[in-house]
Amino acid sequence: MKRKRYTTEQIIGILRQADTGKTVQEICRSNNVSEQTFYRWRKKYGNLELADAKRFKELEKENTELKKLLADQMLKNQVMRKPCQKSGEPKAEEVSSKRCG
C-alpha cells in the first residue's frame, strides 16, 4: 500500500476536527489514516497551533543542519589527529600545548 505523506498543516487540521465533536473513528475513516497514526500525531502535534508548527518544522531543519556540521567537524578533528599519532610523537591528548607539524 502506498504511503501518503501529510504536511504539518494538514495534520493539525485533522487533529482540530476532533475538537468539533467528531469521534476519532469518524475522523480516521474520513481522512484515511489509522487510529494509531492519529494518536501518534496527537502526541507530537496535539497542542501546537499552525504558527507553532511552522516554527517547529524550521527548528527541526536547523537541527539537522547543525548535526551535519558537527559530524563534519568531528571527522576533520579525527583526520587531523591521525598524522600526529603515526609520526611517533605523543598523542594530542597527552600534550596540550605542543602541536604536530
PDB file of N, CA and C in Angstrom:
ATOM      1  N   MET A   1       0.842  -1.180   0.000  1.00  0.00           N
ATOM      2  CA  MET A   1       0.000   0.000   0.000  1.00  0.00           C
ATOM      3  C   MET A   1       0.889   1.246   0.000  1.00  0.00           C
ATOM      4  N   LYS A   2       0.557   2.197  -0.837  1.00  0.00           N
ATOM      5  CA  LYS A   2       1.330   3.422  -0.941  1.00  0.00           C
ATOM      6  C   LYS A   2       1.108   4.282   0.291  1.00  0.00           C
ATOM      7  N   ARG A   3       2.197   4.812   0.788  1.00  0.00           N
ATOM      8  CA  ARG A   3       2.135   5.625   1.988  1.00  0.00           C
ATOM      9  C   ARG A   3       1.935   7.083   1.611  1.00  0.00           C
ATOM     10  N   LYS A   4       0.945   7.731   2.199  1.00  0.00           N
ATOM     11  CA  LYS A   4       0.667   9.113   1.892  1.00  0.00           C
ATOM     12  C   LYS A   4       1.321  10.003   2.943  1.00  0.00           C
ATOM     13  N   ARG A   5       1.967  11.028   2.498  1.00  0.00           N
ATOM     14  CA  ARG A   5       2.611  11.975   3.390  1.00  0.00           C
ATOM     15  C   ARG A   5       1.690  13.173   3.583  1.00  0.00           C
ATOM     16  N   TYR A   6       1.494  13.539   4.823  1.00  0.00           N
ATOM     17  CA  TYR A   6       0.697  14.707   5.151  1.00  0.00           C
ATOM     18  C   TYR A   6       1.620  15.823   5.610  1.00  0.00           C
ATOM     19  N   THR A   7       1.290  17.041   5.228  1.00  0.00           N
ATOM     20  CA  THR A   7       2.066  18.171   5.709  1.00  0.00           C
ATOM     21  C   THR A   7       1.669  18.454   7.149  1.00  0.00           C
ATOM     22  N   THR A   8       2.482  19.239   7.811  1.00  0.00           N
ATOM     23  CA  THR A   8       2.200  19.582   9.198  1.00  0.00           C
ATOM     24  C   THR A   8       0.875  20.322   9.308  1.00  0.00           C
ATOM     25  N   GLU A   9       0.603  21.186   8.358  1.00  0.00           N
ATOM     26  CA  GLU A   9      -0.655  21.939   8.368  1.00  0.00           C
ATOM     27  C   GLU A   9      -1.849  21.005   8.225  1.00  0.00           C
ATOM     28  N   GLN A  10      -1.727  20.007   7.353  1.00  0.00           N
ATOM     29  CA  GLN A  10      -2.812  19.045   7.176  1.00  0.00           C
ATOM     30  C   GLN A  10      -3.026  18.226   8.442  1.00  0.00           C
ATOM     31  N   ILE A  11      -1.940  17.835   9.088  1.00  0.00           N
ATOM     32  CA  ILE A  11      -2.046  17.046  10.310  1.00  0.00           C
ATOM     33  C   ILE A  11      -2.758  17.836  11.391  1.00  0.00           C
ATOM     34  N   ILE A  12      -2.396  19.095  11.543  1.00  0.00           N
ATOM     35  CA  ILE A  12      -3.050  19.927  12.563  1.00  0.00           C
ATOM     36  C   ILE A  12      -4.521  20.109  12.232  1.00  0.00           C
ATOM     37  N   GLY A  13      -4.837  20.249  10.951  1.00  0.00           N
ATOM     38  CA  GLY A  13      -6.241  20.350  10.542  1.00  0.00           C
ATOM     39  C   GLY A  13      -7.028  19.100  10.896  1.00  0.00           C
ATOM     40  N   ILE A  14      -6.427  17.954  10.693  1.00  0.00           N
ATOM     41  CA  ILE A  14      -7.087  16.688  11.034  1.00  0.00           C
ATOM     42  C   ILE A  14      -7.291  16.591  12.547  1.00  0.00           C
ATOM     43  N   LEU A  15      -6.274  16.989  13.302  1.00  0.00           N
ATOM     44  CA  LEU A  15      -6.398  16.936  14.764  1.00  0.00           C
ATOM     45  C   LEU A  15      -7.455  17.906  15.277  1.00  0.00           C
ATOM     46  N   ARG A  16      -7.615  19.053  14.622  1.00  0.00           N
ATOM     47  CA  ARG A  16      -8.614  20.032  15.050  1.00  0.00           C
ATOM     48  C   ARG A  16     -10.033  19.537  14.788  1.00  0.00           C
ATOM     49  N   GLN A  17     -10.200  18.586  13.888  1.00  0.00           N
ATOM     50  CA  GLN A  17     -11.529  18.018  13.649  1.00  0.00           C
ATOM     51  C   GLN A  17     -12.052  17.314  14.891  1.00  0.00           C
ATOM     52  N   ALA A  18     -11.138  16.811  15.712  1.00  0.00           N
ATOM     53  CA  ALA A  18     -11.555  16.136  16.936  1.00  0.00           C
ATOM     54  C   ALA A  18     -12.157  17.125  17.924  1.00  0.00           C
ATOM     55  N   ASP A  19     -11.769  18.397  17.832  1.00  0.00           N
ATOM     56  CA  ASP A  19     -12.320  19.421  18.722  1.00  0.00           C
ATOM     57  C   ASP A  19     -13.763  19.763  18.385  1.00  0.00           C
ATOM     58  N   THR A  20     -14.191  19.430  17.167  1.00  0.00           N
ATOM     59  CA  THR A  20     -15.558  19.757  16.751  1.00  0.00           C
ATOM     60  C   THR A  20     -16.586  18.771  17.282  1.00  0.00           C
ATOM     61  N   GLY A  21     -16.147  17.681  17.866  1.00  0.00           N
ATOM     62  CA  GLY A  21     -17.074  16.722  18.442  1.00  0.00           C
ATOM     63  C   GLY A  21     -17.163  15.410  17.690  1.00  0.00           C
ATOM     64  N   LYS A  22     -16.474  15.287  16.573  1.00  0.00           N
ATOM     65  CA  LYS A  22     -16.469  14.021  15.847  1.00  0.00           C
ATOM     66  C   LYS A  22     -15.681  12.989  16.630  1.00  0.00           C
ATOM     67  N   THR A  23     -16.007  11.739  16.438  1.00  0.00           N
ATOM     68  CA  THR A  23     -15.249  10.671  17.092  1.00  0.00           C
ATOM     69  C   THR A  23     -13.962  10.430  16.321  1.00  0.00           C
ATOM     70  N   VAL A  24     -13.008   9.834  17.006  1.00  0.00           N
ATOM     71  CA  VAL A  24     -11.709   9.548  16.391  1.00  0.00           C
ATOM     72  C   VAL A  24     -11.890   8.582  15.221  1.00  0.00           C
ATOM     73  N   GLN A  25     -12.790   7.618  15.380  1.00  0.00           N
ATOM     74  CA  GLN A  25     -13.022   6.656  14.303  1.00  0.00           C
ATOM     75  C   GLN A  25     -13.537   7.343  13.045  1.00  0.00           C
ATOM     76  N   GLU A  26     -14.470   8.291  13.200  1.00  0.00           N
ATOM     77  CA  GLU A  26     -15.004   9.009  12.047  1.00  0.00           C
ATOM     78  C   GLU A  26     -13.923   9.834  11.359  1.00  0.00           C
ATOM     79  N   ILE A  27     -13.117  10.508  12.154  1.00  0.00           N
ATOM     80  CA  ILE A  27     -12.060  11.347  11.602  1.00  0.00           C
ATOM     81  C   ILE A  27     -11.052  10.493  10.834  1.00  0.00           C
ATOM     82  N   CYS A  28     -10.655   9.379  11.433  1.00  0.00           N
ATOM     83  CA  CYS A  28      -9.678   8.498  10.787  1.00  0.00           C
ATOM     84  C   CYS A  28     -10.229   7.915   9.493  1.00  0.00           C
ATOM     85  N   ARG A  29     -11.482   7.525   9.510  1.00  0.00           N
ATOM     86  CA  ARG A  29     -12.095   6.945   8.323  1.00  0.00           C
ATOM     87  C   ARG A  29     -12.195   7.989   7.205  1.00  0.00           C
ATOM     88  N   SER A  30     -12.584   9.217   7.536  1.00  0.00           N
ATOM     89  CA  SER A  30     -12.757  10.237   6.505  1.00  0.00           C
ATOM     90  C   SER A  30     -11.419  10.714   5.927  1.00  0.00           C
ATOM     91  N   ASN A  31     -10.349  10.638   6.708  1.00  0.00           N
ATOM     92  CA  ASN A  31      -9.040  11.090   6.235  1.00  0.00           C
ATOM     93  C   ASN A  31      -8.128   9.944   5.830  1.00  0.00           C
ATOM     94  N   ASN A  32      -8.636   8.729   5.929  1.00  0.00           N
ATOM     95  CA  ASN A  32      -7.913   7.535   5.514  1.00  0.00           C
ATOM     96  C   ASN A  32      -6.591   7.362   6.260  1.00  0.00           C
ATOM     97  N   VAL A  33      -6.641   7.490   7.585  1.00  0.00           N
ATOM     98  CA  VAL A  33      -5.481   7.233   8.438  1.00  0.00           C
ATOM     99  C   VAL A  33      -5.907   6.266   9.536  1.00  0.00           C
ATOM    100  N   SER A  34      -4.946   5.569  10.099  1.00  0.00           N
ATOM    101  CA  SER A  34      -5.268   4.633  11.172  1.00  0.00           C
ATOM    102  C   SER A  34      -5.390   5.393  12.493  1.00  0.00           C
ATOM    103  N   GLU A  35      -6.047   4.764  13.454  1.00  0.00           N
ATOM    104  CA  GLU A  35      -6.186   5.382  14.767  1.00  0.00           C
ATOM    105  C   GLU A  35      -4.820   5.539  15.432  1.00  0.00           C
ATOM    106  N   GLN A  36      -3.960   4.574  15.216  1.00  0.00           N
ATOM    107  CA  GLN A  36      -2.618   4.644  15.784  1.00  0.00           C
ATOM    108  C   GLN A  36      -1.881   5.875  15.267  1.00  0.00           C
ATOM    109  N   THR A  37      -2.010   6.159  13.979  1.00  0.00           N
ATOM    110  CA  THR A  37      -1.389   7.343  13.392  1.00  0.00           C
ATOM    111  C   THR A  37      -1.981   8.606  13.997  1.00  0.00           C
ATOM    112  N   PHE A  38      -3.304   8.624  14.171  1.00  0.00           N
ATOM    113  CA  PHE A  38      -3.965   9.784  14.754  1.00  0.00           C
ATOM    114  C   PHE A  38      -3.424  10.066  16.153  1.00  0.00           C
ATOM    115  N   TYR A  39      -3.314   9.038  16.977  1.00  0.00           N
ATOM    116  CA  TYR A  39      -2.838   9.234  18.342  1.00  0.00           C
ATOM    117  C   TYR A  39      -1.349   9.595  18.372  1.00  0.00           C
ATOM    118  N   ARG A  40      -0.569   9.078  17.442  1.00  0.00           N
ATOM    119  CA  ARG A  40       0.845   9.454  17.346  1.00  0.00           C
ATOM    120  C   ARG A  40       0.963  10.928  16.974  1.00  0.00           C
ATOM    121  N   TRP A  41       0.135  11.373  16.019  1.00  0.00           N
ATOM    122  CA  TRP A  41       0.128  12.777  15.647  1.00  0.00           C
ATOM    123  C   TRP A  41      -0.313  13.648  16.815  1.00  0.00           C
ATOM    124  N   ARG A  42      -1.322  13.188  17.539  1.00  0.00           N
ATOM    125  CA  ARG A  42      -1.814  13.980  18.664  1.00  0.00           C
ATOM    126  C   ARG A  42      -0.735  14.126  19.727  1.00  0.00           C
ATOM    127  N   LYS A  43       0.055  13.086  19.931  1.00  0.00           N
ATOM    128  CA  LYS A  43       1.146  13.147  20.898  1.00  0.00           C
ATOM    129  C   LYS A  43       2.199  14.144  20.456  1.00  0.00           C
ATOM    130  N   LYS A  44       2.475  14.187  19.157  1.00  0.00           N
ATOM    131  CA  LYS A  44       3.522  15.059  18.650  1.00  0.00           C
ATOM    132  C   LYS A  44       3.036  16.489  18.413  1.00  0.00           C
ATOM    133  N   TYR A  45       1.852  16.657  17.818  1.00  0.00           N
ATOM    134  CA  TYR A  45       1.372  17.969  17.402  1.00  0.00           C
ATOM    135  C   TYR A  45       0.134  18.435  18.162  1.00  0.00           C
ATOM    136  N   GLY A  46      -0.291  17.735  19.173  1.00  0.00           N
ATOM    137  CA  GLY A  46      -1.574  17.975  19.809  1.00  0.00           C
ATOM    138  C   GLY A  46      -1.843  19.390  20.256  1.00  0.00           C
ATOM    139  N   ASN A  47      -0.892  20.025  20.916  1.00  0.00           N
ATOM    140  CA  ASN A  47      -1.157  21.357  21.453  1.00  0.00           C
ATOM    141  C   ASN A  47      -0.533  22.466  20.617  1.00  0.00           C
ATOM    142  N   LEU A  48      -0.099  22.151  19.407  1.00  0.00           N
ATOM    143  CA  LEU A  48       0.522  23.150  18.541  1.00  0.00           C
ATOM    144  C   LEU A  48      -0.526  23.882  17.718  1.00  0.00           C
ATOM    145  N   GLU A  49      -0.276  25.160  17.534  1.00  0.00           N
ATOM    146  CA  GLU A  49      -1.061  25.936  16.592  1.00  0.00           C
ATOM    147  C   GLU A  49      -0.297  25.930  15.271  1.00  0.00           C
ATOM    148  N   LEU A  50      -0.889  26.471  14.237  1.00  0.00           N
ATOM    149  CA  LEU A  50      -0.285  26.447  12.909  1.00  0.00           C
ATOM    150  C   LEU A  50       1.050  27.200  12.889  1.00  0.00           C
ATOM    151  N   ALA A  51       1.108  28.353  13.535  1.00  0.00           N
ATOM    152  CA  ALA A  51       2.354  29.123  13.572  1.00  0.00           C
ATOM    153  C   ALA A  51       3.439  28.364  14.344  1.00  0.00           C
ATOM    154  N   ASP A  52       3.038  27.738  15.445  1.00  0.00           N
ATOM    155  CA  ASP A  52       3.988  26.951  16.230  1.00  0.00           C
ATOM    156  C   ASP A  52       4.521  25.775  15.417  1.00  0.00           C
ATOM    157  N   ALA A  53       3.666  25.162  14.631  1.00  0.00           N
ATOM    158  CA  ALA A  53       4.067  24.015  13.824  1.00  0.00           C
ATOM    159  C   ALA A  53       5.081  24.423  12.764  1.00  0.00           C
ATOM    160  N   LYS A  54       4.883  25.585  12.164  1.00  0.00           N
ATOM    161  CA  LYS A  54       5.842  26.061  11.166  1.00  0.00           C
ATOM    162  C   LYS A  54       7.189  26.319  11.821  1.00  0.00           C
ATOM    163  N   ARG A  55       7.185  26.905  13.002  1.00  0.00           N
ATOM    164  CA  ARG A  55       8.435  27.167  13.726  1.00  0.00           C
ATOM    165  C   ARG A  55       9.099  25.846  14.106  1.00  0.00           C
ATOM    166  N   PHE A  56       8.302  24.873  14.523  1.00  0.00           N
ATOM    167  CA  PHE A  56       8.807  23.549  14.885  1.00  0.00           C
ATOM    168  C   PHE A  56       9.510  22.901  13.695  1.00  0.00           C
ATOM    169  N   LYS A  57       8.909  23.032  12.537  1.00  0.00           N
ATOM    170  CA  LYS A  57       9.494  22.465  11.322  1.00  0.00           C
ATOM    171  C   LYS A  57      10.821  23.145  10.985  1.00  0.00           C
ATOM    172  N   GLU A  58      10.874  24.477  11.137  1.00  0.00           N
ATOM    173  CA  GLU A  58      12.115  25.208  10.898  1.00  0.00           C
ATOM    174  C   GLU A  58      13.201  24.772  11.872  1.00  0.00           C
ATOM    175  N   LEU A  59      12.837  24.587  13.134  1.00  0.00           N
ATOM    176  CA  LEU A  59      13.808  24.163  14.136  1.00  0.00           C
ATOM    177  C   LEU A  59      14.340  22.763  13.853  1.00  0.00           C
ATOM    178  N   GLU A  60      13.472  21.866  13.392  1.00  0.00           N
ATOM    179  CA  GLU A  60      13.926  20.525  13.031  1.00  0.00           C
ATOM    180  C   GLU A  60      14.924  20.583  11.875  1.00  0.00           C
ATOM    181  N   LYS A  61      14.662  21.432  10.886  1.00  0.00           N
ATOM    182  CA  LYS A  61      15.559  21.574   9.746  1.00  0.00           C
ATOM    183  C   LYS A  61      16.899  22.139  10.199  1.00  0.00           C
ATOM    184  N   GLU A  62      16.860  23.165  11.045  1.00  0.00           N
ATOM    185  CA  GLU A  62      18.094  23.761  11.555  1.00  0.00           C
ATOM    186  C   GLU A  62      18.886  22.752  12.378  1.00  0.00           C
ATOM    187  N   ASN A  63      18.186  21.964  13.177  1.00  0.00           N
ATOM    188  CA  ASN A  63      18.840  20.950  13.998  1.00  0.00           C
ATOM    189  C   ASN A  63      19.542  19.911  13.128  1.00  0.00           C
ATOM    190  N   THR A  64      18.914  19.506  12.044  1.00  0.00           N
ATOM    191  CA  THR A  64      19.516  18.546  11.119  1.00  0.00           C
ATOM    192  C   THR A  64      20.793  19.120  10.504  1.00  0.00           C
ATOM    193  N   GLU A  65      20.745  20.388  10.109  1.00  0.00           N
ATOM    194  CA  GLU A  65      21.931  21.020   9.524  1.00  0.00           C
ATOM    195  C   GLU A  65      23.058  21.109  10.547  1.00  0.00           C
ATOM    196  N   LEU A  66      22.719  21.444  11.787  1.00  0.00           N
ATOM    197  CA  LEU A  66      23.738  21.542  12.826  1.00  0.00           C
ATOM    198  C   LEU A  66      24.370  20.186  13.127  1.00  0.00           C
ATOM    199  N   LYS A  67      23.577  19.134  13.096  1.00  0.00           N
ATOM    200  CA  LYS A  67      24.121  17.795  13.307  1.00  0.00           C
ATOM    201  C   LYS A  67      25.103  17.424  12.198  1.00  0.00           C
ATOM    202  N   LYS A  68      24.783  17.792  10.969  1.00  0.00           N
ATOM    203  CA  LYS A  68      25.699  17.519   9.852  1.00  0.00           C
ATOM    204  C   LYS A  68      27.010  18.288  10.033  1.00  0.00           C
ATOM    205  N   LEU A  69      26.908  19.557  10.425  1.00  0.00           N
ATOM    206  CA  LEU A  69      28.112  20.365  10.645  1.00  0.00           C
ATOM    207  C   LEU A  69      28.971  19.771  11.760  1.00  0.00           C
ATOM    208  N   LEU A  70      28.324  19.316  12.822  1.00  0.00           N
ATOM    209  CA  LEU A  70      29.048  18.708  13.934  1.00  0.00           C
ATOM    210  C   LEU A  70      29.761  17.435  13.490  1.00  0.00           C
ATOM    211  N   ALA A  71      29.076  16.618  12.714  1.00  0.00           N
ATOM    212  CA  ALA A  71      29.684  15.381  12.230  1.00  0.00           C
ATOM    213  C   ALA A  71      30.882  15.679  11.335  1.00  0.00           C
ATOM    214  N   ASP A  72      30.765  16.679  10.469  1.00  0.00           N
ATOM    215  CA  ASP A  72      31.888  17.063   9.607  1.00  0.00           C
ATOM    216  C   ASP A  72      33.077  17.542  10.438  1.00  0.00           C
ATOM    217  N   GLN A  73      32.800  18.367  11.447  1.00  0.00           N
ATOM    218  CA  GLN A  73      33.872  18.890  12.281  1.00  0.00           C
ATOM    219  C   GLN A  73      34.556  17.776  13.068  1.00  0.00           C
ATOM    220  N   MET A  74      33.783  16.830  13.577  1.00  0.00           N
ATOM    221  CA  MET A  74      34.362  15.703  14.309  1.00  0.00           C
ATOM    222  C   MET A  74      35.240  14.854  13.390  1.00  0.00           C
ATOM    223  N   LEU A  75      34.806  14.686  12.154  1.00  0.00           N
ATOM    224  CA  LEU A  75      35.596  13.932  11.175  1.00  0.00           C
ATOM    225  C   LEU A  75      36.906  14.654  10.870  1.00  0.00           C
ATOM    226  N   LYS A  76      36.848  15.968  10.715  1.00  0.00           N
ATOM    227  CA  LYS A  76      38.066  16.742  10.464  1.00  0.00           C
ATOM    228  C   LYS A  76      39.028  16.618  11.640  1.00  0.00           C
ATOM    229  N   ASN A  77      38.513  16.693  12.854  1.00  0.00           N
ATOM    230  CA  ASN A  77      39.356  16.560  14.038  1.00  0.00           C
ATOM    231  C   ASN A  77      40.019  15.195  14.086  1.00  0.00           C
ATOM    232  N   GLN A  78      39.272  14.166  13.747  1.00  0.00           N
ATOM    233  CA  GLN A  78      39.812  12.812  13.762  1.00  0.00           C
ATOM    234  C   GLN A  78      40.913  12.662  12.711  1.00  0.00           C
ATOM    235  N   VAL A  79      40.710  13.239  11.546  1.00  0.00           N
ATOM    236  CA  VAL A  79      41.701  13.165  10.480  1.00  0.00           C
ATOM    237  C   VAL A  79      42.959  13.928  10.874  1.00  0.00           C
ATOM    238  N   MET A  80      42.813  15.047  11.552  1.00  0.00           N
ATOM    239  CA  MET A  80      43.964  15.847  11.969  1.00  0.00           C
ATOM    240  C   MET A  80      44.789  15.130  13.037  1.00  0.00           C
ATOM    241  N   ARG A  81      44.185  14.305  13.861  1.00  0.00           N
ATOM    242  CA  ARG A  81      44.907  13.596  14.923  1.00  0.00           C
ATOM    243  C   ARG A  81      45.713  12.421  14.396  1.00  0.00           C
ATOM    244  N   LYS A  82      45.272  11.772  13.352  1.00  0.00           N
ATOM    245  CA  LYS A  82      45.941  10.565  12.849  1.00  0.00           C
ATOM    246  C   LYS A  82      47.397  10.810  12.452  1.00  0.00           C
ATOM    247  N   PRO A  83      47.745  11.871  11.715  1.00  0.00           N
ATOM    248  CA  PRO A  83      49.161  12.066  11.376  1.00  0.00           C
ATOM    249  C   PRO A  83      50.032  12.254  12.617  1.00  0.00           C
ATOM    250  N   CYS A  84      49.511  12.875  13.639  1.00  0.00           N
ATOM    251  CA  CYS A  84      50.269  13.070  14.873  1.00  0.00           C
ATOM    252  C   CYS A  84      50.577  11.722  15.523  1.00  0.00           C
ATOM    253  N   GLN A  85      49.629  10.837  15.534  1.00  0.00           N
ATOM    254  CA  GLN A  85      49.803   9.544  16.181  1.00  0.00           C
ATOM    255  C   GLN A  85      50.758   8.665  15.380  1.00  0.00           C
ATOM    256  N   LYS A  86      50.762   8.754  14.073  1.00  0.00           N
ATOM    257  CA  LYS A  86      51.610   7.909  13.235  1.00  0.00           C
ATOM    258  C   LYS A  86      53.056   8.381  13.216  1.00  0.00           C
ATOM    259  N   SER A  87      53.313   9.649  13.524  1.00  0.00           N
ATOM    260  CA  SER A  87      54.664  10.182  13.432  1.00  0.00           C
ATOM    261  C   SER A  87      55.533   9.810  14.623  1.00  0.00           C
ATOM    262  N   GLY A  88      54.982   9.162  15.619  1.00  0.00           N
ATOM    263  CA  GLY A  88      55.749   8.749  16.773  1.00  0.00           C
ATOM    264  C   GLY A  88      55.745   9.776  17.892  1.00  0.00           C
ATOM    265  N   GLU A  89      55.139  10.917  17.654  1.00  0.00           N
ATOM    266  CA  GLU A  89      55.051  11.926  18.692  1.00  0.00           C
ATOM    267  C   GLU A  89      53.918  11.568  19.643  1.00  0.00           C
ATOM    268  N   PRO A  90      53.886  12.163  20.837  1.00  0.00           N
ATOM    269  CA  PRO A  90      52.808  11.874  21.787  1.00  0.00           C
ATOM    270  C   PRO A  90      51.449  12.242  21.197  1.00  0.00           C
ATOM    271  N   LYS A  91      50.428  11.592  21.702  1.00  0.00           N
ATOM    272  CA  LYS A  91      49.070  11.859  21.247  1.00  0.00           C
ATOM    273  C   LYS A  91      48.681  13.285  21.590  1.00  0.00           C
ATOM    274  N   ALA A  92      47.704  13.804  20.859  1.00  0.00           N
ATOM    275  CA  ALA A  92      47.257  15.177  21.056  1.00  0.00           C
ATOM    276  C   ALA A  92      46.697  15.373  22.464  1.00  0.00           C
ATOM    277  N   GLU A  93      46.107  14.338  23.045  1.00  0.00           N
ATOM    278  CA  GLU A  93      45.537  14.450  24.382  1.00  0.00           C
ATOM    279  C   GLU A  93      46.637  14.551  25.439  1.00  0.00           C
ATOM    280  N   GLU A  94      47.786  13.931  25.171  1.00  0.00           N
ATOM    281  CA  GLU A  94      48.864  13.905  26.144  1.00  0.00           C
ATOM    282  C   GLU A  94      49.596  15.233  26.216  1.00  0.00           C
ATOM    283  N   VAL A  95      49.733  15.894  25.088  1.00  0.00           N
ATOM    284  CA  VAL A  95      50.444  17.160  25.046  1.00  0.00           C
ATOM    285  C   VAL A  95      49.440  18.227  24.592  1.00  0.00           C
ATOM    286  N   SER A  96      49.042  19.089  25.512  1.00  0.00           N
ATOM    287  CA  SER A  96      48.009  20.048  25.171  1.00  0.00           C
ATOM    288  C   SER A  96      48.566  21.272  24.465  1.00  0.00           C
ATOM    289  N   SER A  97      49.789  21.710  24.810  1.00  0.00           N
ATOM    290  CA  SER A  97      50.312  22.922  24.216  1.00  0.00           C
ATOM    291  C   SER A  97      51.168  22.643  22.988  1.00  0.00           C
ATOM    292  N   LYS A  98      51.685  21.436  22.827  1.00  0.00           N
ATOM    293  CA  LYS A  98      52.559  21.108  21.704  1.00  0.00           C
ATOM    294  C   LYS A  98      51.718  20.640  20.518  1.00  0.00           C
ATOM    295  N   ARG A  99      52.067  21.100  19.312  1.00  0.00           N
ATOM    296  CA  ARG A  99      51.342  20.718  18.106  1.00  0.00           C
ATOM    297  C   ARG A  99      52.259  19.948  17.183  1.00  0.00           C
ATOM    298  N   CYS A 100      51.681  19.027  16.403  1.00  0.00           N
ATOM    299  CA  CYS A 100      52.451  18.299  15.387  1.00  0.00           C
ATOM    300  C   CYS A 100      52.660  19.224  14.209  1.00  0.00           C
ATOM    301  N   GLY A 101      53.712  18.979  13.501  1.00  0.00           N
ATOM    302  CA  GLY A 101      53.741  19.724  12.294  1.00  0.00           C
ATOM    303  C   GLY A 101      54.998  20.170  11.834  1.00  0.00           C
TER     304      GLY A 101
END
